[in-house]
Amino acid sequence: MQAEPTDEELMLAYGAGDVAAFQTLYSRHRGPLFRHLGRQVRDTALAEELFQDVWQRVITARERYRPDAKFGTWLYQIAHNRVADHWRAKQHRPDAPGDADELASRVPDPETPERQLSSFEERRRLQLALEELPEDQREVVLLRLEQELSLEEIGEITGVGRETVKSRLRYAMDKLRARLRP
């Protein structure tokens, strides 16, 4: 029985002209990457635009790709850079949605028994708490928990040292614990 090719092997094969290798890579990473971008920018249309741009950059770089790091690390570094470019171009953080007060007023009381039992509501509380985090802290939490990347890989993606990643992760987790405490 033959082992599945690694992401790095697939990217090298794609760089050599194997389109099926790209299709396999894309299907492995499309969902997690799109969710990551969506949580970073909190705007589906913008996440779709950035998602397409990230994959276009992967396609453009196919012949120059070298497996110096894990493919996932390289891919998320492209995504990180693309999101940073977007915010830099806007010169500010995103505004709250115009209907934020209305949406917030429709959120049920977190102390009701129904809400405590609802896994959907718990996930929603977590999502809201994540959205309250500063962007740099939210990014390291999402890369660590959703993508299961190491501190070193996150540092490589975000361009900061391992200790800075640990610090951001610790502050983010403290804020999440405080926000989610019953």
C-alpha atoms as a PDB file:
ATOM      1  CA  MET A   1       0.000   0.000   0.000  1.00  0.00           C
ATOM      2  CA  GLN A   2       1.457   3.319  -1.083  1.00  0.00           C
ATOM      3  CA  ALA A   3       1.500   6.270   1.326  1.00  0.00           C
ATOM      4  CA  GLU A   4      -0.232   9.495   0.370  1.00  0.00           C
ATOM      5  CA  PRO A   5       2.210  12.049  -1.031  1.00  0.00           C
ATOM      6  CA  THR A   6       3.079  14.908   1.302  1.00  0.00           C
ATOM      7  CA  ASP A   7       1.968  18.437   0.544  1.00  0.00           C
ATOM      8  CA  GLU A   8       5.550  19.323  -0.261  1.00  0.00           C
ATOM      9  CA  GLU A   9       5.827  16.456  -2.760  1.00  0.00           C
ATOM     10  CA  LEU A  10       2.551  17.501  -4.363  1.00  0.00           C
ATOM     11  CA  MET A  11       3.671  21.125  -4.711  1.00  0.00           C
ATOM     12  CA  LEU A  12       6.962  20.048  -6.288  1.00  0.00           C
ATOM     13  CA  ALA A  13       5.038  17.784  -8.683  1.00  0.00           C
ATOM     14  CA  TYR A  14       2.711  20.665  -9.544  1.00  0.00           C
ATOM     15  CA  GLY A  15       5.726  22.883 -10.196  1.00  0.00           C
ATOM     16  CA  ALA A  16       6.925  20.218 -12.641  1.00  0.00           C
ATOM     17  CA  GLY A  17       3.583  20.326 -14.469  1.00  0.00           C
ATOM     18  CA  ASP A  18       1.340  17.797 -12.664  1.00  0.00           C
ATOM     19  CA  VAL A  19      -2.042  19.566 -12.498  1.00  0.00           C
ATOM     20  CA  ALA A  20      -3.622  16.674 -10.575  1.00  0.00           C
ATOM     21  CA  ALA A  21      -1.115  17.328  -7.776  1.00  0.00           C
ATOM     22  CA  PHE A  22      -2.457  20.881  -7.470  1.00  0.00           C
ATOM     23  CA  GLN A  23      -6.025  19.609  -7.363  1.00  0.00           C
ATOM     24  CA  THR A  24      -5.117  17.329  -4.451  1.00  0.00           C
ATOM     25  CA  LEU A  25      -3.364  20.176  -2.601  1.00  0.00           C
ATOM     26  CA  TYR A  26      -6.301  22.493  -3.194  1.00  0.00           C
ATOM     27  CA  SER A  27      -8.838  19.983  -1.912  1.00  0.00           C
ATOM     28  CA  ARG A  28      -6.730  19.335   1.219  1.00  0.00           C
ATOM     29  CA  HIS A  29      -6.370  23.001   2.143  1.00  0.00           C
ATOM     30  CA  ARG A  30      -9.323  24.911   0.672  1.00  0.00           C
ATOM     31  CA  GLY A  31     -11.719  24.522   3.623  1.00  0.00           C
ATOM     32  CA  PRO A  32      -9.291  25.285   6.453  1.00  0.00           C
ATOM     33  CA  LEU A  33      -7.718  28.178   4.520  1.00  0.00           C
ATOM     34  CA  PHE A  34     -11.071  29.760   3.684  1.00  0.00           C
ATOM     35  CA  ARG A  35     -12.268  29.443   7.295  1.00  0.00           C
ATOM     36  CA  HIS A  36      -9.018  30.990   8.507  1.00  0.00           C
ATOM     37  CA  LEU A  37      -9.359  33.943   6.140  1.00  0.00           C
ATOM     38  CA  GLY A  38     -13.034  34.357   6.994  1.00  0.00           C
ATOM     39  CA  ARG A  39     -12.251  34.564  10.686  1.00  0.00           C
ATOM     40  CA  GLN A  40      -9.440  37.004  10.044  1.00  0.00           C
ATOM     41  CA  VAL A  41     -11.475  39.504   8.006  1.00  0.00           C
ATOM     42  CA  ARG A  42     -15.051  38.672   9.169  1.00  0.00           C
ATOM     43  CA  ASP A  43     -16.442  39.452   5.710  1.00  0.00           C
ATOM     44  CA  THR A  44     -17.362  36.559   3.400  1.00  0.00           C
ATOM     45  CA  ALA A  45     -16.927  38.502   0.156  1.00  0.00           C
ATOM     46  CA  LEU A  46     -13.532  39.821   1.229  1.00  0.00           C
ATOM     47  CA  ALA A  47     -12.486  36.355   2.455  1.00  0.00           C
ATOM     48  CA  GLU A  48     -13.408  34.935  -0.971  1.00  0.00           C
ATOM     49  CA  GLU A  49     -11.342  37.609  -2.711  1.00  0.00           C
ATOM     50  CA  LEU A  50      -8.323  36.980  -0.473  1.00  0.00           C
ATOM     51  CA  PHE A  51      -8.767  33.205  -0.817  1.00  0.00           C
ATOM     52  CA  GLN A  52      -8.614  33.457  -4.605  1.00  0.00           C
ATOM     53  CA  ASP A  53      -5.618  35.765  -4.400  1.00  0.00           C
ATOM     54  CA  VAL A  54      -3.716  33.380  -2.098  1.00  0.00           C
ATOM     55  CA  TRP A  55      -4.267  30.464  -4.488  1.00  0.00           C
ATOM     56  CA  GLN A  56      -3.286  32.655  -7.438  1.00  0.00           C
ATOM     57  CA  ARG A  57      -0.016  33.401  -5.658  1.00  0.00           C
ATOM     58  CA  VAL A  58       0.522  29.675  -5.062  1.00  0.00           C
ATOM     59  CA  ILE A  59      -0.038  29.034  -8.770  1.00  0.00           C
ATOM     60  CA  THR A  60       2.308  31.849  -9.761  1.00  0.00           C
ATOM     61  CA  ALA A  61       5.045  30.574  -7.409  1.00  0.00           C
ATOM     62  CA  ARG A  62       4.751  26.905  -8.427  1.00  0.00           C
ATOM     63  CA  GLU A  63       8.015  26.750 -10.373  1.00  0.00           C
ATOM     64  CA  ARG A  64       9.969  28.666  -7.709  1.00  0.00           C
ATOM     65  CA  TYR A  65       8.619  26.682  -4.729  1.00  0.00           C
ATOM     66  CA  ARG A  66      11.243  25.083  -2.504  1.00  0.00           C
ATOM     67  CA  PRO A  67      10.190  22.963   0.483  1.00  0.00           C
ATOM     68  CA  ASP A  68      12.207  24.981   3.017  1.00  0.00           C
ATOM     69  CA  ALA A  69       9.208  24.788   5.384  1.00  0.00           C
ATOM     70  CA  LYS A  70       6.033  22.735   5.514  1.00  0.00           C
ATOM     71  CA  PHE A  71       3.686  23.570   2.647  1.00  0.00           C
ATOM     72  CA  GLY A  72       0.963  24.553   5.157  1.00  0.00           C
ATOM     73  CA  THR A  73       3.322  27.011   6.827  1.00  0.00           C
ATOM     74  CA  TRP A  74       4.220  28.508   3.445  1.00  0.00           C
ATOM     75  CA  LEU A  75       0.537  28.698   2.420  1.00  0.00           C
ATOM     76  CA  TYR A  76      -0.541  30.409   5.649  1.00  0.00           C
ATOM     77  CA  GLN A  77       2.367  32.816   5.414  1.00  0.00           C
ATOM     78  CA  ILE A  78       1.062  33.868   1.985  1.00  0.00           C
ATOM     79  CA  ALA A  79      -2.412  34.266   3.538  1.00  0.00           C
ATOM     80  CA  HIS A  80      -1.008  36.249   6.478  1.00  0.00           C
ATOM     81  CA  ASN A  81       0.863  38.573   4.132  1.00  0.00           C
ATOM     82  CA  ARG A  82      -2.190  39.040   1.924  1.00  0.00           C
ATOM     83  CA  VAL A  83      -4.408  39.952   4.904  1.00  0.00           C
ATOM     84  CA  ALA A  84      -1.732  42.348   6.207  1.00  0.00           C
ATOM     85  CA  ASP A  85      -1.495  43.960   2.754  1.00  0.00           C
ATOM     86  CA  HIS A  86      -5.260  44.406   2.705  1.00  0.00           C
ATOM     87  CA  TRP A  87      -5.387  46.143   6.105  1.00  0.00           C
ATOM     88  CA  ARG A  88      -2.344  48.230   5.302  1.00  0.00           C
ATOM     89  CA  ALA A  89      -4.062  49.419   2.133  1.00  0.00           C
ATOM     90  CA  LYS A  90      -7.190  50.345   4.121  1.00  0.00           C
ATOM     91  CA  GLN A  91      -5.050  52.131   6.760  1.00  0.00           C
ATOM     92  CA  HIS A  92      -7.367  51.119   9.577  1.00  0.00           C
ATOM     93  CA  ARG A  93      -8.953  48.195  11.277  1.00  0.00           C
ATOM     94  CA  PRO A  94     -12.369  47.147  10.037  1.00  0.00           C
ATOM     95  CA  ASP A  95     -15.345  49.004  11.426  1.00  0.00           C
ATOM     96  CA  ALA A  96     -18.039  47.145  13.296  1.00  0.00           C
ATOM     97  CA  PRO A  97     -20.971  46.239  11.079  1.00  0.00           C
ATOM     98  CA  GLY A  98     -23.673  48.912  10.917  1.00  0.00           C
ATOM     99  CA  ASP A  99     -26.192  46.578  12.482  1.00  0.00           C
ATOM    100  CA  ALA A 100     -23.871  45.421  15.297  1.00  0.00           C
ATOM    101  CA  ASP A 101     -26.098  46.830  18.060  1.00  0.00           C
ATOM    102  CA  GLU A 102     -29.167  45.136  16.619  1.00  0.00           C
ATOM    103  CA  LEU A 103     -27.312  41.840  16.252  1.00  0.00           C
ATOM    104  CA  ALA A 104     -25.988  42.089  19.795  1.00  0.00           C
ATOM    105  CA  SER A 105     -29.448  42.817  21.187  1.00  0.00           C
ATOM    106  CA  ARG A 106     -30.749  39.598  19.583  1.00  0.00           C
ATOM    107  CA  VAL A 107     -28.167  37.428  21.363  1.00  0.00           C
ATOM    108  CA  PRO A 108     -30.016  35.549  24.119  1.00  0.00           C
ATOM    109  CA  ASP A 109     -29.118  35.836  27.779  1.00  0.00           C
ATOM    110  CA  PRO A 110     -26.080  33.597  28.331  1.00  0.00           C
ATOM    111  CA  GLU A 111     -27.383  32.439  31.722  1.00  0.00           C
ATOM    112  CA  THR A 112     -30.458  30.571  30.484  1.00  0.00           C
ATOM    113  CA  PRO A 113     -30.388  26.756  30.774  1.00  0.00           C
ATOM    114  CA  GLU A 114     -31.248  26.413  27.090  1.00  0.00           C
ATOM    115  CA  ARG A 115     -28.203  28.380  26.066  1.00  0.00           C
ATOM    116  CA  GLN A 116     -25.890  26.501  28.402  1.00  0.00           C
ATOM    117  CA  LEU A 117     -26.976  23.235  26.801  1.00  0.00           C
ATOM    118  CA  SER A 118     -26.748  24.413  23.216  1.00  0.00           C
ATOM    119  CA  SER A 119     -23.460  23.556  21.542  1.00  0.00           C
ATOM    120  CA  PHE A 120     -24.322  25.951  18.722  1.00  0.00           C
ATOM    121  CA  GLU A 121     -24.634  28.826  21.144  1.00  0.00           C
ATOM    122  CA  GLU A 122     -21.387  27.865  22.838  1.00  0.00           C
ATOM    123  CA  ARG A 123     -19.600  27.955  19.500  1.00  0.00           C
ATOM    124  CA  ARG A 124     -21.186  31.332  18.800  1.00  0.00           C
ATOM    125  CA  ARG A 125     -19.972  32.690  22.146  1.00  0.00           C
ATOM    126  CA  LEU A 126     -16.493  31.475  21.311  1.00  0.00           C
ATOM    127  CA  GLN A 127     -16.668  33.107  17.871  1.00  0.00           C
ATOM    128  CA  LEU A 128     -17.730  36.423  19.401  1.00  0.00           C
ATOM    129  CA  ALA A 129     -14.958  36.194  21.977  1.00  0.00           C
ATOM    130  CA  LEU A 130     -12.445  35.476  19.208  1.00  0.00           C
ATOM    131  CA  GLU A 131     -13.662  38.513  17.289  1.00  0.00           C
ATOM    132  CA  GLU A 132     -13.009  40.712  20.326  1.00  0.00           C
ATOM    133  CA  LEU A 133      -9.343  39.739  20.414  1.00  0.00           C
ATOM    134  CA  PRO A 134      -6.779  42.035  18.849  1.00  0.00           C
ATOM    135  CA  GLU A 135      -5.945  40.853  15.333  1.00  0.00           C
ATOM    136  CA  ASP A 136      -2.440  39.587  16.158  1.00  0.00           C
ATOM    137  CA  GLN A 137      -3.714  37.529  19.104  1.00  0.00           C
ATOM    138  CA  ARG A 138      -6.685  36.140  17.162  1.00  0.00           C
ATOM    139  CA  GLU A 139      -4.394  35.041  14.357  1.00  0.00           C
ATOM    140  CA  VAL A 140      -2.040  33.051  16.596  1.00  0.00           C
ATOM    141  CA  VAL A 141      -4.978  31.376  18.394  1.00  0.00           C
ATOM    142  CA  LEU A 142      -6.571  30.347  15.102  1.00  0.00           C
ATOM    143  CA  LEU A 143      -3.303  29.081  13.629  1.00  0.00           C
ATOM    144  CA  ARG A 144      -2.555  27.102  16.802  1.00  0.00           C
ATOM    145  CA  LEU A 145      -5.995  25.647  17.512  1.00  0.00           C
ATOM    146  CA  GLU A 146      -7.479  25.225  14.042  1.00  0.00           C
ATOM    147  CA  GLN A 147      -4.399  24.513  11.964  1.00  0.00           C
ATOM    148  CA  GLU A 148      -2.484  22.830  14.814  1.00  0.00           C
ATOM    149  CA  LEU A 149       0.721  24.620  13.844  1.00  0.00           C
ATOM    150  CA  SER A 150       3.710  24.732  16.162  1.00  0.00           C
ATOM    151  CA  LEU A 151       4.839  27.964  17.798  1.00  0.00           C
ATOM    152  CA  GLU A 152       7.810  28.027  15.448  1.00  0.00           C
ATOM    153  CA  GLU A 153       5.584  27.628  12.367  1.00  0.00           C
ATOM    154  CA  ILE A 154       3.267  30.388  13.580  1.00  0.00           C
ATOM    155  CA  GLY A 155       6.286  32.618  14.154  1.00  0.00           C
ATOM    156  CA  GLU A 156       7.476  31.900  10.641  1.00  0.00           C
ATOM    157  CA  ILE A 157       4.057  32.773   9.199  1.00  0.00           C
ATOM    158  CA  THR A 158       3.563  35.955  11.213  1.00  0.00           C
ATOM    159  CA  GLY A 159       7.172  37.105  11.094  1.00  0.00           C
ATOM    160  CA  VAL A 160       7.691  37.236  14.860  1.00  0.00           C
ATOM    161  CA  GLY A 161       9.771  35.188  17.265  1.00  0.00           C
ATOM    162  CA  ARG A 162       8.638  32.099  19.147  1.00  0.00           C
ATOM    163  CA  GLU A 163       8.481  33.977  22.462  1.00  0.00           C
ATOM    164  CA  THR A 164       6.268  36.671  20.936  1.00  0.00           C
ATOM    165  CA  VAL A 165       3.960  33.958  19.612  1.00  0.00           C
ATOM    166  CA  LYS A 166       3.834  32.376  23.100  1.00  0.00           C
ATOM    167  CA  SER A 167       3.077  35.735  24.671  1.00  0.00           C
ATOM    168  CA  ARG A 168       0.301  36.544  22.189  1.00  0.00           C
ATOM    169  CA  LEU A 169      -1.157  33.085  22.658  1.00  0.00           C
ATOM    170  CA  ARG A 170      -1.068  33.380  26.458  1.00  0.00           C
ATOM    171  CA  TYR A 171      -2.741  36.830  26.464  1.00  0.00           C
ATOM    172  CA  ALA A 172      -5.374  35.648  23.983  1.00  0.00           C
ATOM    173  CA  MET A 173      -6.181  32.529  25.996  1.00  0.00           C
ATOM    174  CA  ASP A 174      -6.463  34.581  29.211  1.00  0.00           C
ATOM    175  CA  LYS A 175      -8.917  36.941  27.485  1.00  0.00           C
ATOM    176  CA  LEU A 176     -10.919  34.051  26.051  1.00  0.00           C
ATOM    177  CA  ARG A 177     -11.130  32.321  29.446  1.00  0.00           C
ATOM    178  CA  ALA A 178     -12.311  35.546  31.103  1.00  0.00           C
ATOM    179  CA  ARG A 179     -14.859  36.217  28.337  1.00  0.00           C
ATOM    180  CA  LEU A 180     -16.235  32.665  28.327  1.00  0.00           C
ATOM    181  CA  ARG A 181     -16.386  32.225  32.099  1.00  0.00           C
ATOM    182  CA  PRO A 182     -20.020  31.441  33.115  1.00  0.00           C
END
